[in-house]
Every structure is written in structure tokens, then in C-alpha cells.
């Protein structure tokens, strides 16, 4: 599975961005798709994930109420709508696809920078 993420950029605090992740390859093997983010010196953290089979969604605590994850099942494309962005949201955002225990694929990452 290959993942191509796009949509990052520079935005002022309070602004919005929408990230897109387009998977390719053995898409039928994907069980969960998600977004994670990472800043230098810190561990990668979950932003949001969505189950392919039943659409169950999980959000990281820090983004609840501001970010919305969605998936276009026809195109197998994953989205992350980010509203009310804050400087602490600045990070590299990675798209992920969980296939089975021990097998998760990661995209290259897209930078999101929020200025105060």
C-alpha cells in the first residue's frame, strides 16, 4: 500500500486546512485509515482514525471538536478537515493504513504550520 498525502501548508491561528490521503496498491487489505502527527523530539500521536468496515471513528483528545476525519469509500480517499487551528497543531501530519498487527503503512507526511 502506498499513501500520498497533500493539503498541508501555512495558516494563521483560527484558520482551516483540509488534508487528503490517496492510497494505492492493495487497498482491499486496509482495515483502518488514519492521521497521525509528529513534532521533533516527540512521539508520533494519533489525530484521527476511521475503520474501513464500519466507519467507527476515533479522535485524539487535543483535536476533538475541531478536526473531522472522513473517507470517500468509492475513491478510497481519506480526508482530515482541520478547523480552528492553533500553533500547537503545528506538526508533520502522516497518513496511515493499518492492514494487520505488525503491518501499518505510512505516507511521506505533509507539514502543517500554524502561526500565532
Protein backbone atom coordinates (compact mmCIF):
# COMPACT_ATOMS: atom_id res chain seq x y z
CA UNK A 1 0.00 0.00 0.00
CA UNK A 2 1.27 3.44 -0.91
CA UNK A 3 -0.15 6.61 0.57
CA UNK A 4 0.01 10.07 -0.95
CA UNK A 5 -0.89 12.90 1.41
CA UNK A 6 -1.46 16.50 0.43
CA UNK A 7 -3.03 19.71 1.68
CA UNK A 8 -0.60 20.92 4.30
CA UNK A 9 0.63 24.48 4.45
CA UNK A 10 0.92 27.65 6.48
CA UNK A 11 -2.15 29.14 8.12
CA UNK A 12 -2.87 31.69 10.81
CA UNK A 13 -4.33 30.69 14.16
CA UNK A 14 -8.06 30.16 13.85
CA UNK A 15 -7.78 29.15 10.21
CA UNK A 16 -8.58 25.91 8.46
CA UNK A 17 -6.87 23.35 6.28
CA UNK A 18 -8.01 20.14 4.64
CA UNK A 19 -5.68 17.20 4.24
CA UNK A 20 -6.18 14.47 1.66
CA UNK A 21 -4.70 10.99 1.53
CA UNK A 22 -4.97 8.84 -1.57
CA UNK A 23 -3.99 5.19 -1.18
CA UNK A 24 -2.85 2.91 -3.98
CA UNK A 25 -1.78 -0.69 -4.27
CA UNK A 26 -3.54 -3.44 -2.28
CA UNK A 27 -6.26 -1.14 -0.99
CA UNK A 28 -8.59 -4.04 -0.19
CA UNK A 29 -6.28 -5.12 2.63
CA UNK A 30 -6.67 -1.87 4.58
CA UNK A 31 -8.64 -2.21 7.84
CA UNK A 32 -8.19 1.26 9.36
CA UNK A 33 -7.05 4.54 7.87
CA UNK A 34 -5.86 7.41 9.97
CA UNK A 35 -3.90 10.56 10.53
CA UNK A 36 -1.06 10.97 12.97
CA UNK A 37 1.20 13.92 13.63
CA UNK A 38 4.68 14.41 14.96
CA UNK A 39 6.86 17.28 16.09
CA UNK A 40 10.63 16.98 16.53
CA UNK A 41 11.59 15.34 19.80
CA UNK A 42 8.15 13.97 20.50
CA UNK A 43 6.40 10.72 19.74
CA UNK A 44 4.01 10.42 16.85
CA UNK A 45 0.45 10.85 18.12
CA UNK A 46 -2.93 9.83 16.82
CA UNK A 47 -5.02 12.61 15.34
CA UNK A 48 -7.93 10.60 13.99
CA UNK A 49 -8.71 7.21 12.54
CA UNK A 50 -11.61 5.59 10.74
CA UNK A 51 -12.46 1.92 10.32
CA UNK A 52 -12.97 0.84 6.73
CA UNK A 53 -15.52 -1.85 7.61
CA UNK A 54 -17.92 0.02 9.91
CA UNK A 55 -16.81 3.65 9.80
CA UNK A 56 -16.00 3.79 13.50
CA UNK A 57 -14.05 6.98 14.22
CA UNK A 58 -11.52 7.77 16.92
CA UNK A 59 -10.06 11.21 17.65
CA UNK A 60 -7.10 12.30 19.68
CA UNK A 61 -8.17 14.30 22.72
CA UNK A 62 -6.48 17.51 21.60
CA UNK A 63 -8.39 17.73 18.32
CA UNK A 64 -11.89 16.70 19.36
CA UNK A 65 -14.46 19.26 18.26
CA UNK A 66 -12.08 20.94 15.83
CA UNK A 67 -10.99 18.24 13.37
CA UNK A 68 -13.19 15.95 11.32
CA UNK A 69 -12.00 12.80 9.59
CA UNK A 70 -13.93 11.32 6.69
CA UNK A 71 -13.46 8.80 3.94
CA UNK A 72 -14.76 8.55 0.40
CA UNK A 73 -15.35 4.82 0.07
CA UNK A 74 -15.75 5.00 -3.69
CA UNK A 75 -12.35 6.65 -4.18
CA UNK A 76 -10.78 5.13 -1.05
CA UNK A 77 -9.62 8.63 -0.19
CA UNK A 78 -9.16 9.86 3.37
CA UNK A 79 -9.73 13.46 4.44
CA UNK A 80 -8.98 15.50 7.52
CA UNK A 81 -10.81 18.80 7.89
CA UNK A 82 -8.96 20.90 10.43
CA UNK A 83 -10.74 23.96 11.82
CA UNK A 84 -9.75 26.49 14.45
CA UNK A 85 -6.11 25.57 14.02
CA UNK A 86 -3.76 26.60 16.80
CA UNK A 87 0.04 26.93 16.95
CA UNK A 88 0.21 23.70 18.94
CA UNK A 89 -1.22 21.90 15.92
CA UNK A 90 1.99 22.62 14.04
CA UNK A 91 3.49 19.27 13.05
CA UNK A 92 4.15 16.91 10.20
CA UNK A 93 0.94 15.04 9.51
CA UNK A 94 1.14 11.45 8.33
CA UNK A 95 -1.50 9.33 6.68
CA UNK A 96 -1.56 5.71 7.83
CA UNK A 97 -3.21 2.49 6.81
CA UNK A 98 -3.45 -0.43 9.21
CA UNK A 99 -3.57 -3.80 7.49
CA UNK A 100 -2.88 -6.30 10.28
CA UNK A 101 -0.96 -6.48 13.53
CA UNK A 102 2.60 -5.54 12.75
CA UNK A 103 1.74 -4.08 9.35
CA UNK A 104 0.96 -0.39 9.08
CA UNK A 105 1.85 1.68 6.06
CA UNK A 106 2.76 5.35 6.32
CA UNK A 107 2.71 8.18 3.85
CA UNK A 108 5.57 10.62 3.46
CA UNK A 109 3.98 13.31 5.61
CA UNK A 110 2.78 16.82 4.96
CA UNK A 111 3.81 19.87 7.00
CA UNK A 112 1.17 21.94 8.76
CA UNK A 113 2.36 25.20 10.28
CA UNK A 114 0.07 27.47 12.30
CA UNK A 115 1.28 30.96 13.07
CA UNK A 116 0.07 32.92 16.09
